[in-house]
Protein backbone atom coordinates (compact mmCIF):
# COMPACT_ATOMS: atom_id res chain seq x y z
CA MET A 1 0.03 0.02 -0.28
CA LYS A 2 1.41 3.49 -0.93
CA LYS A 3 1.38 6.25 1.65
CA GLN A 4 -1.03 8.42 -0.29
CA GLU A 5 -3.80 5.62 -0.92
CA THR A 6 -6.46 6.16 1.43
CA VAL A 7 -9.70 4.58 -0.52
CA LYS A 8 -9.06 1.26 -2.56
CA THR A 9 -10.70 -1.79 -3.06
CA CYS A 10 -10.88 -4.96 -0.84
CA ARG A 11 -8.80 -7.60 -2.41
CA LYS A 12 -11.40 -10.46 -1.06
CA CYS A 13 -14.48 -8.88 -1.39
CA GLY A 14 -14.19 -5.79 -3.83
CA LYS A 15 -16.18 -3.39 -1.78
CA LEU A 16 -14.37 0.10 -1.57
CA ILE A 17 -12.72 0.61 1.67
CA GLY A 18 -10.93 3.40 3.72
CA ILE A 19 -7.62 3.39 5.37
CA ILE A 20 -7.33 5.80 8.61
CA GLU A 21 -4.22 6.51 10.24
CA CYS A 22 -4.72 6.62 13.87
CA GLY A 23 -1.22 6.94 15.12
CA ILE A 24 2.51 6.13 14.43
CA TYR A 25 2.42 2.79 12.16
CA ARG A 26 -1.28 2.01 13.03
CA LYS A 27 -3.94 2.09 10.49
CA ILE A 28 -7.68 1.01 10.40
CA VAL A 29 -9.32 -0.49 7.67
CA VAL A 30 -13.08 0.75 7.35
CA ASP A 31 -15.76 0.51 4.79
CA ALA A 32 -15.52 3.61 2.64
CA GLU A 33 -19.11 4.81 3.29
CA ALA A 34 -19.59 7.29 6.36
CA VAL A 35 -22.65 7.00 8.57
CA LEU A 36 -24.15 9.28 11.30
CA VAL A 37 -23.52 7.87 14.65
CA MET A 38 -25.18 8.38 17.76
CA PRO A 39 -22.53 7.99 20.89
CA ASP A 40 -24.11 5.41 23.04
CA GLY A 41 -22.15 3.66 25.65
CA ALA A 42 -24.88 0.69 26.00
CA ALA A 43 -24.40 -0.17 22.47
CA ASN A 44 -22.30 -2.84 21.16
CA GLU A 45 -21.25 -1.37 17.71
CA LYS A 46 -17.70 0.23 17.30
CA PHE A 47 -16.93 2.90 14.77
CA VAL A 48 -14.22 5.14 13.86
CA ASP A 49 -13.99 8.94 13.17
CA VAL A 50 -11.84 10.26 10.65
CA THR A 51 -9.00 11.17 13.26
CA GLY A 52 -8.94 7.55 14.32
CA ARG A 53 -10.90 7.91 17.60
CA LYS A 54 -13.05 5.07 18.41
CA ILE A 55 -16.77 5.58 18.90
CA VAL A 56 -19.12 3.13 20.78
CA GLY A 57 -22.80 3.94 19.54
CA ARG A 58 -25.26 3.01 17.03
CA GLU A 59 -26.45 4.33 13.88
CA ALA A 60 -28.78 7.51 14.12
CA ASP A 61 -32.37 7.00 13.11
CA PHE A 62 -34.10 9.71 10.77
CA GLU A 63 -35.14 11.79 13.83
CA GLU A 64 -31.70 11.85 15.38
CA GLN A 65 -30.22 12.88 11.91
CA ALA A 66 -31.83 16.35 12.17
CA SER A 67 -29.92 17.18 15.23
CA TYR A 68 -26.45 16.89 13.43
CA GLY A 69 -23.94 19.52 14.57
CA VAL A 70 -25.57 20.04 18.07
CA PRO A 71 -23.25 19.26 20.95
CA GLY A 72 -23.72 15.75 21.92
CA GLY A 73 -25.53 14.79 18.81
CA PRO A 74 -24.79 12.36 15.99
CA GLU A 75 -21.45 12.55 13.82
CA TYR A 76 -20.01 11.04 10.96
CA ALA A 77 -17.77 8.16 11.45
CA TYR A 78 -17.08 4.73 9.35
CA ARG A 79 -17.65 1.06 10.32
CA PRO A 80 -14.59 -1.15 10.44
CA HIS A 81 -14.40 -3.24 7.50
CA LYS A 82 -14.94 -7.00 7.76
CA CYS A 83 -15.32 -9.05 4.72
CA GLY A 84 -16.03 -12.76 4.42
CA GLY A 85 -13.64 -12.90 1.51
CA SER A 86 -16.37 -14.09 -0.96
CA ARG A 87 -16.14 -12.59 -4.21
């Protein structure tokens, strides 16, 4: 992988993936499509924002999406990429 590549296709499943750097020599592979996430400590889904910070939450519903930009409201994040390898 070249240093300037941030979006490419997965070799196993063919979906678009993104690569987020979250520290020195640490990269996280995520799905390329960002979703609005509502931070929720009781949820069991994990997301990653653009800076590499991990967020525990759930995908925001339609009413919560309207409050985007409000402090404590939903924010854009990416799902970590998990593929079954079926092409």
